[in-house]
Amino acid sequence: MLVRGESADEIIKLLQADTLNALAQRIADDAVRADIELNGRVVDLDGERFIDTGTPAEGNGPEALQIVERALRYIDTRGDAAFPWLMRRHMDAPALVQFIDKETP
């Protein structure tokens, strides 16, 4: 069945675009946590591991913080439901984040 008067070729192109968009979104979903963990500085605070999103990891330049900022915006925009983990910000220092798997109590 054709929709809105589109030809079969147009529908196939739309389905391919939807598939490509879904694939691109899944890749982005998978990459954002790694972007933060690899580009932000790891800190231990009270026995817990956090990523300092305001300080680049050792050996990374200032461009690393641009990657982190983009990843944080993406996570905030997509929301918690999109990921198998939660990103939790430190109560007293919001630039410090940690990832917690949803299966872990």
PDB file of N, CA and C in Angstrom:
ATOM      1  N   MET A   1       0.843  -1.175   0.000  1.00  0.00           N
ATOM      2  CA  MET A   1       0.000   0.000   0.000  1.00  0.00           C
ATOM      3  C   MET A   1       0.892   1.243   0.000  1.00  0.00           C
ATOM      4  N   LEU A   2       0.624   2.147  -0.890  1.00  0.00           N
ATOM      5  CA  LEU A   2       1.388   3.380  -0.978  1.00  0.00           C
ATOM      6  C   LEU A   2       0.752   4.438  -0.075  1.00  0.00           C
ATOM      7  N   VAL A   3       1.602   5.255   0.516  1.00  0.00           N
ATOM      8  CA  VAL A   3       1.148   6.269   1.448  1.00  0.00           C
ATOM      9  C   VAL A   3       1.392   7.646   0.847  1.00  0.00           C
ATOM     10  N   ARG A   4       0.456   8.555   1.037  1.00  0.00           N
ATOM     11  CA  ARG A   4       0.581   9.941   0.584  1.00  0.00           C
ATOM     12  C   ARG A   4       0.972  10.046  -0.889  1.00  0.00           C
ATOM     13  N   GLY A   5       0.588   9.096  -1.700  1.00  0.00           N
ATOM     14  CA  GLY A   5       0.853   9.158  -3.124  1.00  0.00           C
ATOM     15  C   GLY A   5       2.306   8.912  -3.488  1.00  0.00           C
ATOM     16  N   GLU A   6       3.092   8.343  -2.603  1.00  0.00           N
ATOM     17  CA  GLU A   6       4.501   8.083  -2.890  1.00  0.00           C
ATOM     18  C   GLU A   6       4.624   6.791  -3.691  1.00  0.00           C
ATOM     19  N   SER A   7       5.607   6.767  -4.556  1.00  0.00           N
ATOM     20  CA  SER A   7       5.854   5.558  -5.334  1.00  0.00           C
ATOM     21  C   SER A   7       6.553   4.526  -4.460  1.00  0.00           C
ATOM     22  N   ALA A   8       6.596   3.305  -4.953  1.00  0.00           N
ATOM     23  CA  ALA A   8       7.280   2.230  -4.222  1.00  0.00           C
ATOM     24  C   ALA A   8       8.752   2.583  -4.017  1.00  0.00           C
ATOM     25  N   ASP A   9       9.390   3.180  -5.010  1.00  0.00           N
ATOM     26  CA  ASP A   9      10.799   3.573  -4.876  1.00  0.00           C
ATOM     27  C   ASP A   9      10.977   4.634  -3.792  1.00  0.00           C
ATOM     28  N   GLU A  10      10.034   5.572  -3.721  1.00  0.00           N
ATOM     29  CA  GLU A  10      10.113   6.619  -2.696  1.00  0.00           C
ATOM     30  C   GLU A  10       9.942   6.021  -1.295  1.00  0.00           C
ATOM     31  N   ILE A  11       9.050   5.053  -1.186  1.00  0.00           N
ATOM     32  CA  ILE A  11       8.836   4.399   0.111  1.00  0.00           C
ATOM     33  C   ILE A  11      10.083   3.614   0.512  1.00  0.00           C
ATOM     34  N   ILE A  12      10.700   2.921  -0.421  1.00  0.00           N
ATOM     35  CA  ILE A  12      11.930   2.177  -0.125  1.00  0.00           C
ATOM     36  C   ILE A  12      13.017   3.133   0.349  1.00  0.00           C
ATOM     37  N   LYS A  13      13.156   4.278  -0.303  1.00  0.00           N
ATOM     38  CA  LYS A  13      14.149   5.275   0.115  1.00  0.00           C
ATOM     39  C   LYS A  13      13.851   5.789   1.518  1.00  0.00           C
ATOM     40  N   LEU A  14      12.569   6.012   1.821  1.00  0.00           N
ATOM     41  CA  LEU A  14      12.190   6.472   3.157  1.00  0.00           C
ATOM     42  C   LEU A  14      12.512   5.411   4.207  1.00  0.00           C
ATOM     43  N   LEU A  15      12.227   4.148   3.894  1.00  0.00           N
ATOM     44  CA  LEU A  15      12.529   3.070   4.835  1.00  0.00           C
ATOM     45  C   LEU A  15      14.029   2.937   5.042  1.00  0.00           C
ATOM     46  N   GLN A  16      14.809   3.072   3.975  1.00  0.00           N
ATOM     47  CA  GLN A  16      16.256   3.012   4.100  1.00  0.00           C
ATOM     48  C   GLN A  16      16.767   4.173   4.944  1.00  0.00           C
ATOM     49  N   ALA A  17      16.194   5.351   4.756  1.00  0.00           N
ATOM     50  CA  ALA A  17      16.601   6.513   5.548  1.00  0.00           C
ATOM     51  C   ALA A  17      16.258   6.296   7.018  1.00  0.00           C
ATOM     52  N   ASP A  18      15.062   5.733   7.292  1.00  0.00           N
ATOM     53  CA  ASP A  18      14.684   5.435   8.671  1.00  0.00           C
ATOM     54  C   ASP A  18      15.642   4.431   9.289  1.00  0.00           C
ATOM     55  N   THR A  19      16.023   3.411   8.522  1.00  0.00           N
ATOM     56  CA  THR A  19      16.960   2.405   9.005  1.00  0.00           C
ATOM     57  C   THR A  19      18.322   3.036   9.270  1.00  0.00           C
ATOM     58  N   LEU A  20      18.766   3.892   8.370  1.00  0.00           N
ATOM     59  CA  LEU A  20      20.047   4.561   8.547  1.00  0.00           C
ATOM     60  C   LEU A  20      20.008   5.481   9.767  1.00  0.00           C
ATOM     61  N   ASN A  21      18.910   6.216   9.932  1.00  0.00           N
ATOM     62  CA  ASN A  21      18.781   7.089  11.097  1.00  0.00           C
ATOM     63  C   ASN A  21      18.775   6.283  12.391  1.00  0.00           C
ATOM     64  N   ALA A  22      18.080   5.163  12.393  1.00  0.00           N
ATOM     65  CA  ALA A  22      18.058   4.311  13.588  1.00  0.00           C
ATOM     66  C   ALA A  22      19.447   3.758  13.884  1.00  0.00           C
ATOM     67  N   LEU A  23      20.157   3.358  12.841  1.00  0.00           N
ATOM     68  CA  LEU A  23      21.520   2.845  13.023  1.00  0.00           C
ATOM     69  C   LEU A  23      22.444   3.946  13.543  1.00  0.00           C
ATOM     70  N   ALA A  24      22.337   5.129  12.979  1.00  0.00           N
ATOM     71  CA  ALA A  24      23.170   6.252  13.418  1.00  0.00           C
ATOM     72  C   ALA A  24      22.884   6.594  14.882  1.00  0.00           C
ATOM     73  N   GLN A  25      21.620   6.560  15.255  1.00  0.00           N
ATOM     74  CA  GLN A  25      21.259   6.856  16.640  1.00  0.00           C
ATOM     75  C   GLN A  25      21.812   5.796  17.578  1.00  0.00           C
ATOM     76  N   ARG A  26      21.757   4.532  17.170  1.00  0.00           N
ATOM     77  CA  ARG A  26      22.285   3.445  18.012  1.00  0.00           C
ATOM     78  C   ARG A  26      23.799   3.584  18.178  1.00  0.00           C
ATOM     79  N   ILE A  27      24.495   3.932  17.108  1.00  0.00           N
ATOM     80  CA  ILE A  27      25.942   4.141  17.181  1.00  0.00           C
ATOM     81  C   ILE A  27      26.247   5.288  18.143  1.00  0.00           C
ATOM     82  N   ALA A  28      25.496   6.373  18.025  1.00  0.00           N
ATOM     83  CA  ALA A  28      25.696   7.515  18.923  1.00  0.00           C
ATOM     84  C   ALA A  28      25.412   7.119  20.371  1.00  0.00           C
ATOM     85  N   ASP A  29      24.335   6.365  20.587  1.00  0.00           N
ATOM     86  CA  ASP A  29      24.007   5.899  21.939  1.00  0.00           C
ATOM     87  C   ASP A  29      25.159   5.082  22.530  1.00  0.00           C
ATOM     88  N   ASP A  30      25.747   4.235  21.704  1.00  0.00           N
ATOM     89  CA  ASP A  30      26.842   3.383  22.176  1.00  0.00           C
ATOM     90  C   ASP A  30      28.119   4.172  22.433  1.00  0.00           C
ATOM     91  N   ALA A  31      28.331   5.248  21.704  1.00  0.00           N
ATOM     92  CA  ALA A  31      29.605   5.967  21.753  1.00  0.00           C
ATOM     93  C   ALA A  31      29.690   7.029  22.846  1.00  0.00           C
ATOM     94  N   VAL A  32      28.582   7.581  23.303  1.00  0.00           N
ATOM     95  CA  VAL A  32      28.660   8.743  24.190  1.00  0.00           C
ATOM     96  C   VAL A  32      29.325   8.442  25.525  1.00  0.00           C
ATOM     97  N   ARG A  33      29.047   7.297  26.084  1.00  0.00           N
ATOM     98  CA  ARG A  33      29.679   6.952  27.370  1.00  0.00           C
ATOM     99  C   ARG A  33      31.189   6.843  27.196  1.00  0.00           C
ATOM    100  N   ALA A  34      31.621   6.169  26.151  1.00  0.00           N
ATOM    101  CA  ALA A  34      33.055   6.023  25.891  1.00  0.00           C
ATOM    102  C   ALA A  34      33.694   7.383  25.624  1.00  0.00           C
ATOM    103  N   ASP A  35      32.986   8.267  24.922  1.00  0.00           N
ATOM    104  CA  ASP A  35      33.523   9.607  24.670  1.00  0.00           C
ATOM    105  C   ASP A  35      33.849  10.316  25.984  1.00  0.00           C
ATOM    106  N   ILE A  36      32.970  10.189  26.955  1.00  0.00           N
ATOM    107  CA  ILE A  36      33.186  10.841  28.249  1.00  0.00           C
ATOM    108  C   ILE A  36      34.293  10.129  29.030  1.00  0.00           C
ATOM    109  N   GLU A  37      34.237   8.808  29.072  1.00  0.00           N
ATOM    110  CA  GLU A  37      35.222   8.058  29.857  1.00  0.00           C
ATOM    111  C   GLU A  37      36.637   8.187  29.295  1.00  0.00           C
ATOM    112  N   LEU A  38      36.769   8.297  27.998  1.00  0.00           N
ATOM    113  CA  LEU A  38      38.097   8.394  27.386  1.00  0.00           C
ATOM    114  C   LEU A  38      38.660   9.814  27.364  1.00  0.00           C
ATOM    115  N   ASN A  39      37.796  10.803  27.377  1.00  0.00           N
ATOM    116  CA  ASN A  39      38.257  12.181  27.208  1.00  0.00           C
ATOM    117  C   ASN A  39      38.245  13.007  28.487  1.00  0.00           C
ATOM    118  N   GLY A  40      37.472  12.597  29.497  1.00  0.00           N
ATOM    119  CA  GLY A  40      37.467  13.297  30.780  1.00  0.00           C
ATOM    120  C   GLY A  40      38.457  12.642  31.739  1.00  0.00           C
ATOM    121  N   ARG A  41      38.897  13.399  32.711  1.00  0.00           N
ATOM    122  CA  ARG A  41      39.872  12.898  33.677  1.00  0.00           C
ATOM    123  C   ARG A  41      39.178  12.026  34.722  1.00  0.00           C
ATOM    124  N   VAL A  42      39.729  10.856  34.975  1.00  0.00           N
ATOM    125  CA  VAL A  42      39.197   9.946  35.990  1.00  0.00           C
ATOM    126  C   VAL A  42      39.682  10.406  37.360  1.00  0.00           C
ATOM    127  N   VAL A  43      38.751  10.510  38.307  1.00  0.00           N
ATOM    128  CA  VAL A  43      39.093  10.864  39.677  1.00  0.00           C
ATOM    129  C   VAL A  43      38.424   9.884  40.634  1.00  0.00           C
ATOM    130  N   ASP A  44      39.109   9.622  41.743  1.00  0.00           N
ATOM    131  CA  ASP A  44      38.518   8.812  42.808  1.00  0.00           C
ATOM    132  C   ASP A  44      38.129   9.742  43.939  1.00  0.00           C
ATOM    133  N   LEU A  45      36.889   9.624  44.367  1.00  0.00           N
ATOM    134  CA  LEU A  45      36.381  10.477  45.428  1.00  0.00           C
ATOM    135  C   LEU A  45      35.610   9.605  46.398  1.00  0.00           C
ATOM    136  N   ASP A  46      36.093   9.558  47.617  1.00  0.00           N
ATOM    137  CA  ASP A  46      35.448   8.745  48.658  1.00  0.00           C
ATOM    138  C   ASP A  46      35.272   7.298  48.211  1.00  0.00           C
ATOM    139  N   GLY A  47      36.286   6.767  47.510  1.00  0.00           N
ATOM    140  CA  GLY A  47      36.250   5.382  47.076  1.00  0.00           C
ATOM    141  C   GLY A  47      35.397   5.117  45.851  1.00  0.00           C
ATOM    142  N   GLU A  48      34.876   6.149  45.245  1.00  0.00           N
ATOM    143  CA  GLU A  48      34.065   5.982  44.037  1.00  0.00           C
ATOM    144  C   GLU A  48      34.780   6.612  42.855  1.00  0.00           C
ATOM    145  N   ARG A  49      34.577   6.008  41.679  1.00  0.00           N
ATOM    146  CA  ARG A  49      35.201   6.487  40.446  1.00  0.00           C
ATOM    147  C   ARG A  49      34.271   7.464  39.753  1.00  0.00           C
ATOM    148  N   PHE A  50      34.788   8.645  39.446  1.00  0.00           N
ATOM    149  CA  PHE A  50      34.048   9.658  38.709  1.00  0.00           C
ATOM    150  C   PHE A  50      34.878  10.096  37.507  1.00  0.00           C
ATOM    151  N   ILE A  51      34.195  10.690  36.557  1.00  0.00           N
ATOM    152  CA  ILE A  51      34.852  11.323  35.423  1.00  0.00           C
ATOM    153  C   ILE A  51      34.660  12.823  35.586  1.00  0.00           C
ATOM    154  N   ASP A  52      35.759  13.555  35.585  1.00  0.00           N
ATOM    155  CA  ASP A  52      35.703  15.011  35.656  1.00  0.00           C
ATOM    156  C   ASP A  52      35.500  15.522  34.237  1.00  0.00           C
ATOM    157  N   THR A  53      34.291  15.978  33.962  1.00  0.00           N
ATOM    158  CA  THR A  53      33.952  16.414  32.607  1.00  0.00           C
ATOM    159  C   THR A  53      34.470  17.809  32.296  1.00  0.00           C
ATOM    160  N   GLY A  54      35.075  18.462  33.280  1.00  0.00           N
ATOM    161  CA  GLY A  54      35.630  19.786  33.065  1.00  0.00           C
ATOM    162  C   GLY A  54      37.140  19.795  32.912  1.00  0.00           C
ATOM    163  N   THR A  55      37.752  18.602  33.003  1.00  0.00           N
ATOM    164  CA  THR A  55      39.202  18.484  32.884  1.00  0.00           C
ATOM    165  C   THR A  55      39.520  17.357  31.913  1.00  0.00           C
ATOM    166  N   PRO A  56      40.333  17.627  30.898  1.00  0.00           N
ATOM    167  CA  PRO A  56      40.652  16.551  29.948  1.00  0.00           C
ATOM    168  C   PRO A  56      41.531  15.474  30.587  1.00  0.00           C
ATOM    169  N   ALA A  57      41.381  14.270  30.107  1.00  0.00           N
ATOM    170  CA  ALA A  57      42.239  13.169  30.551  1.00  0.00           C
ATOM    171  C   ALA A  57      43.683  13.505  30.216  1.00  0.00           C
ATOM    172  N   GLU A  58      44.592  12.949  31.009  1.00  0.00           N
ATOM    173  CA  GLU A  58      46.010  13.203  30.774  1.00  0.00           C
ATOM    174  C   GLU A  58      46.374  12.818  29.345  1.00  0.00           C
ATOM    175  N   GLY A  59      47.064  13.711  28.677  1.00  0.00           N
ATOM    176  CA  GLY A  59      47.465  13.480  27.296  1.00  0.00           C
ATOM    177  C   GLY A  59      46.470  14.000  26.276  1.00  0.00           C
ATOM    178  N   ASN A  60      45.299  14.411  26.739  1.00  0.00           N
ATOM    179  CA  ASN A  60      44.293  14.978  25.836  1.00  0.00           C
ATOM    180  C   ASN A  60      44.353  16.494  25.883  1.00  0.00           C
ATOM    181  N   GLY A  61      44.086  17.106  24.758  1.00  0.00           N
ATOM    182  CA  GLY A  61      44.066  18.562  24.683  1.00  0.00           C
ATOM    183  C   GLY A  61      42.682  19.112  24.932  1.00  0.00           C
ATOM    184  N   PRO A  62      42.514  20.415  24.756  1.00  0.00           N
ATOM    185  CA  PRO A  62      41.228  21.065  25.012  1.00  0.00           C
ATOM    186  C   PRO A  62      40.102  20.560  24.107  1.00  0.00           C
ATOM    187  N   GLU A  63      40.460  20.015  22.947  1.00  0.00           N
ATOM    188  CA  GLU A  63      39.408  19.483  22.060  1.00  0.00           C
ATOM    189  C   GLU A  63      38.676  18.311  22.711  1.00  0.00           C
ATOM    190  N   ALA A  64      39.330  17.641  23.652  1.00  0.00           N
ATOM    191  CA  ALA A  64      38.690  16.535  24.358  1.00  0.00           C
ATOM    192  C   ALA A  64      37.463  17.015  25.119  1.00  0.00           C
ATOM    193  N   LEU A  65      37.539  18.210  25.675  1.00  0.00           N
ATOM    194  CA  LEU A  65      36.398  18.738  26.421  1.00  0.00           C
ATOM    195  C   LEU A  65      35.229  19.074  25.507  1.00  0.00           C
ATOM    196  N   GLN A  66      35.498  19.406  24.251  1.00  0.00           N
ATOM    197  CA  GLN A  66      34.419  19.619  23.290  1.00  0.00           C
ATOM    198  C   GLN A  66      33.685  18.305  23.024  1.00  0.00           C
ATOM    199  N   ILE A  67      34.439  17.224  22.942  1.00  0.00           N
ATOM    200  CA  ILE A  67      33.838  15.905  22.738  1.00  0.00           C
ATOM    201  C   ILE A  67      32.975  15.541  23.945  1.00  0.00           C
ATOM    202  N   VAL A  68      33.502  15.795  25.138  1.00  0.00           N
ATOM    203  CA  VAL A  68      32.760  15.505  26.371  1.00  0.00           C
ATOM    204  C   VAL A  68      31.486  16.338  26.437  1.00  0.00           C
ATOM    205  N   GLU A  69      31.592  17.614  26.139  1.00  0.00           N
ATOM    206  CA  GLU A  69      30.420  18.493  26.195  1.00  0.00           C
ATOM    207  C   GLU A  69      29.337  18.035  25.211  1.00  0.00           C
ATOM    208  N   ARG A  70      29.737  17.657  24.016  1.00  0.00           N
ATOM    209  CA  ARG A  70      28.774  17.157  23.022  1.00  0.00           C
ATOM    210  C   ARG A  70      28.108  15.880  23.527  1.00  0.00           C
ATOM    211  N   ALA A  71      28.887  14.995  24.123  1.00  0.00           N
ATOM    212  CA  ALA A  71      28.334  13.742  24.648  1.00  0.00           C
ATOM    213  C   ALA A  71      27.356  14.015  25.791  1.00  0.00           C
ATOM    214  N   LEU A  72      27.695  14.936  26.678  1.00  0.00           N
ATOM    215  CA  LEU A  72      26.790  15.284  27.778  1.00  0.00           C
ATOM    216  C   LEU A  72      25.475  15.852  27.255  1.00  0.00           C
ATOM    217  N   ARG A  73      25.552  16.719  26.256  1.00  0.00           N
ATOM    218  CA  ARG A  73      24.329  17.279  25.661  1.00  0.00           C
ATOM    219  C   ARG A  73      23.472  16.173  25.052  1.00  0.00           C
ATOM    220  N   TYR A  74      24.115  15.229  24.383  1.00  0.00           N
ATOM    221  CA  TYR A  74      23.384  14.130  23.764  1.00  0.00           C
ATOM    222  C   TYR A  74      22.674  13.288  24.825  1.00  0.00           C
ATOM    223  N   ILE A  75      23.396  12.941  25.885  1.00  0.00           N
ATOM    224  CA  ILE A  75      22.803  12.129  26.954  1.00  0.00           C
ATOM    225  C   ILE A  75      21.637  12.872  27.594  1.00  0.00           C
ATOM    226  N   ASP A  76      21.820  14.145  27.901  1.00  0.00           N
ATOM    227  CA  ASP A  76      20.744  14.923  28.515  1.00  0.00           C
ATOM    228  C   ASP A  76      19.531  15.021  27.596  1.00  0.00           C
ATOM    229  N   THR A  77      19.767  15.147  26.294  1.00  0.00           N
ATOM    230  CA  THR A  77      18.670  15.255  25.331  1.00  0.00           C
ATOM    231  C   THR A  77      17.932  13.931  25.161  1.00  0.00           C
ATOM    232  N   ARG A  78      18.668  12.830  25.083  1.00  0.00           N
ATOM    233  CA  ARG A  78      18.046  11.509  24.888  1.00  0.00           C
ATOM    234  C   ARG A  78      17.318  11.028  26.138  1.00  0.00           C
ATOM    235  N   GLY A  79      17.823  11.353  27.309  1.00  0.00           N
ATOM    236  CA  GLY A  79      17.174  10.935  28.551  1.00  0.00           C
ATOM    237  C   GLY A  79      17.617   9.551  29.004  1.00  0.00           C
ATOM    238  N   ASP A  80      17.377   9.263  30.262  1.00  0.00           N
ATOM    239  CA  ASP A  80      17.817   8.017  30.890  1.00  0.00           C
ATOM    240  C   ASP A  80      17.258   6.752  30.243  1.00  0.00           C
ATOM    241  N   ALA A  81      16.042   6.833  29.739  1.00  0.00           N
ATOM    242  CA  ALA A  81      15.391   5.634  29.210  1.00  0.00           C
ATOM    243  C   ALA A  81      16.109   5.056  27.994  1.00  0.00           C
ATOM    244  N   ALA A  82      16.904   5.852  27.306  1.00  0.00           N
ATOM    245  CA  ALA A  82      17.553   5.410  26.070  1.00  0.00           C
ATOM    246  C   ALA A  82      18.769   4.522  26.319  1.00  0.00           C
ATOM    247  N   PHE A  83      19.254   4.482  27.542  1.00  0.00           N
ATOM    248  CA  PHE A  83      20.530   3.824  27.805  1.00  0.00           C
ATOM    249  C   PHE A  83      20.382   2.698  28.839  1.00  0.00           C
ATOM    250  N   PRO A  84      21.289   1.684  28.791  1.00  0.00           N
ATOM    251  CA  PRO A  84      21.249   0.603  29.785  1.00  0.00           C
ATOM    252  C   PRO A  84      21.970   0.995  31.071  1.00  0.00           C
ATOM    253  N   TRP A  85      22.295   2.279  31.207  1.00  0.00           N
ATOM    254  CA  TRP A  85      22.996   2.798  32.381  1.00  0.00           C
ATOM    255  C   TRP A  85      22.436   4.174  32.709  1.00  0.00           C
ATOM    256  N   LEU A  86      22.752   4.634  33.892  1.00  0.00           N
ATOM    257  CA  LEU A  86      22.389   5.980  34.309  1.00  0.00           C
ATOM    258  C   LEU A  86      23.653   6.802  34.438  1.00  0.00           C
ATOM    259  N   MET A  87      23.582   8.046  34.055  1.00  0.00           N
ATOM    260  CA  MET A  87      24.683   8.962  34.309  1.00  0.00           C
ATOM    261  C   MET A  87      24.285   9.778  35.535  1.00  0.00           C
ATOM    262  N   ARG A  88      25.076   9.630  36.582  1.00  0.00           N
ATOM    263  CA  ARG A  88      24.780  10.339  37.828  1.00  0.00           C
ATOM    264  C   ARG A  88      25.837  11.415  38.057  1.00  0.00           C
ATOM    265  N   ARG A  89      25.383  12.608  38.383  1.00  0.00           N
ATOM    266  CA  ARG A  89      26.289  13.717  38.690  1.00  0.00           C
ATOM    267  C   ARG A  89      26.516  13.768  40.200  1.00  0.00           C
ATOM    268  N   HIS A  90      27.744  14.109  40.576  1.00  0.00           N
ATOM    269  CA  HIS A  90      28.062  14.265  41.994  1.00  0.00           C
ATOM    270  C   HIS A  90      27.261  15.436  42.548  1.00  0.00           C
ATOM    271  N   MET A  91      26.683  15.248  43.722  1.00  0.00           N
ATOM    272  CA  MET A  91      25.804  16.253  44.319  1.00  0.00           C
ATOM    273  C   MET A  91      26.527  17.593  44.545  1.00  0.00           C
ATOM    274  N   ASP A  92      27.769  17.538  44.994  1.00  0.00           N
ATOM    275  CA  ASP A  92      28.493  18.766  45.319  1.00  0.00           C
ATOM    276  C   ASP A  92      29.357  19.288  44.181  1.00  0.00           C
ATOM    277  N   ALA A  93      29.548  18.480  43.157  1.00  0.00           N
ATOM    278  CA  ALA A  93      30.404  18.874  42.029  1.00  0.00           C
ATOM    279  C   ALA A  93      29.801  18.310  40.747  1.00  0.00           C
ATOM    280  N   PRO A  94      28.843  19.018  40.124  1.00  0.00           N
ATOM    281  CA  PRO A  94      28.119  18.483  38.974  1.00  0.00           C
ATOM    282  C   PRO A  94      28.979  18.158  37.758  1.00  0.00           C
ATOM    283  N   ALA A  95      30.211  18.671  37.702  1.00  0.00           N
ATOM    284  CA  ALA A  95      31.097  18.311  36.584  1.00  0.00           C
ATOM    285  C   ALA A  95      31.620  16.888  36.732  1.00  0.00           C
ATOM    286  N   LEU A  96      31.468  16.312  37.918  1.00  0.00           N
ATOM    287  CA  LEU A  96      31.878  14.918  38.138  1.00  0.00           C
ATOM    288  C   LEU A  96      30.690  14.011  37.871  1.00  0.00           C
ATOM    289  N   VAL A  97      30.879  13.060  36.962  1.00  0.00           N
ATOM    290  CA  VAL A  97      29.804  12.120  36.632  1.00  0.00           C
ATOM    291  C   VAL A  97      30.302  10.693  36.791  1.00  0.00           C
ATOM    292  N   GLN A  98      29.371   9.806  36.997  1.00  0.00           N
ATOM    293  CA  GLN A  98      29.696   8.383  36.997  1.00  0.00           C
ATOM    294  C   GLN A  98      28.555   7.642  36.317  1.00  0.00           C
ATOM    295  N   PHE A  99      28.898   6.499  35.764  1.00  0.00           N
ATOM    296  CA  PHE A  99      27.916   5.677  35.060  1.00  0.00           C
ATOM    297  C   PHE A  99      27.607   4.454  35.909  1.00  0.00           C
ATOM    298  N   ILE A 100      26.322   4.175  36.048  1.00  0.00           N
ATOM    299  CA  ILE A 100      25.881   3.060  36.857  1.00  0.00           C
ATOM    300  C   ILE A 100      24.950   2.220  36.002  1.00  0.00           C
ATOM    301  N   ASP A 101      25.280   0.929  35.875  1.00  0.00           N
ATOM    302  CA  ASP A 101      24.420   0.036  35.110  1.00  0.00           C
ATOM    303  C   ASP A 101      23.064  -0.069  35.786  1.00  0.00           C
ATOM    304  N   LYS A 102      22.008  -0.063  35.015  1.00  0.00           N
ATOM    305  CA  LYS A 102      20.650  -0.102  35.566  1.00  0.00           C
ATOM    306  C   LYS A 102      20.374  -1.421  36.280  1.00  0.00           C
ATOM    307  N   GLU A 103      21.074  -2.494  35.912  1.00  0.00           N
ATOM    308  CA  GLU A 103      20.858  -3.772  36.562  1.00  0.00           C
ATOM    309  C   GLU A 103      21.450  -3.802  37.958  1.00  0.00           C
ATOM    310  N   THR A 104      22.408  -2.903  38.243  1.00  0.00           N
ATOM    311  CA  THR A 104      23.056  -2.858  39.539  1.00  0.00           C
ATOM    312  C   THR A 104      22.179  -2.072  40.525  1.00  0.00           C
ATOM    313  N   PRO A 105      21.882  -2.660  41.684  1.00  0.00           N
ATOM    314  CA  PRO A 105      21.033  -1.926  42.647  1.00  0.00           C
ATOM    315  C   PRO A 105      21.711  -0.698  43.215  1.00  0.00           C
TER     316      PRO A 105
END
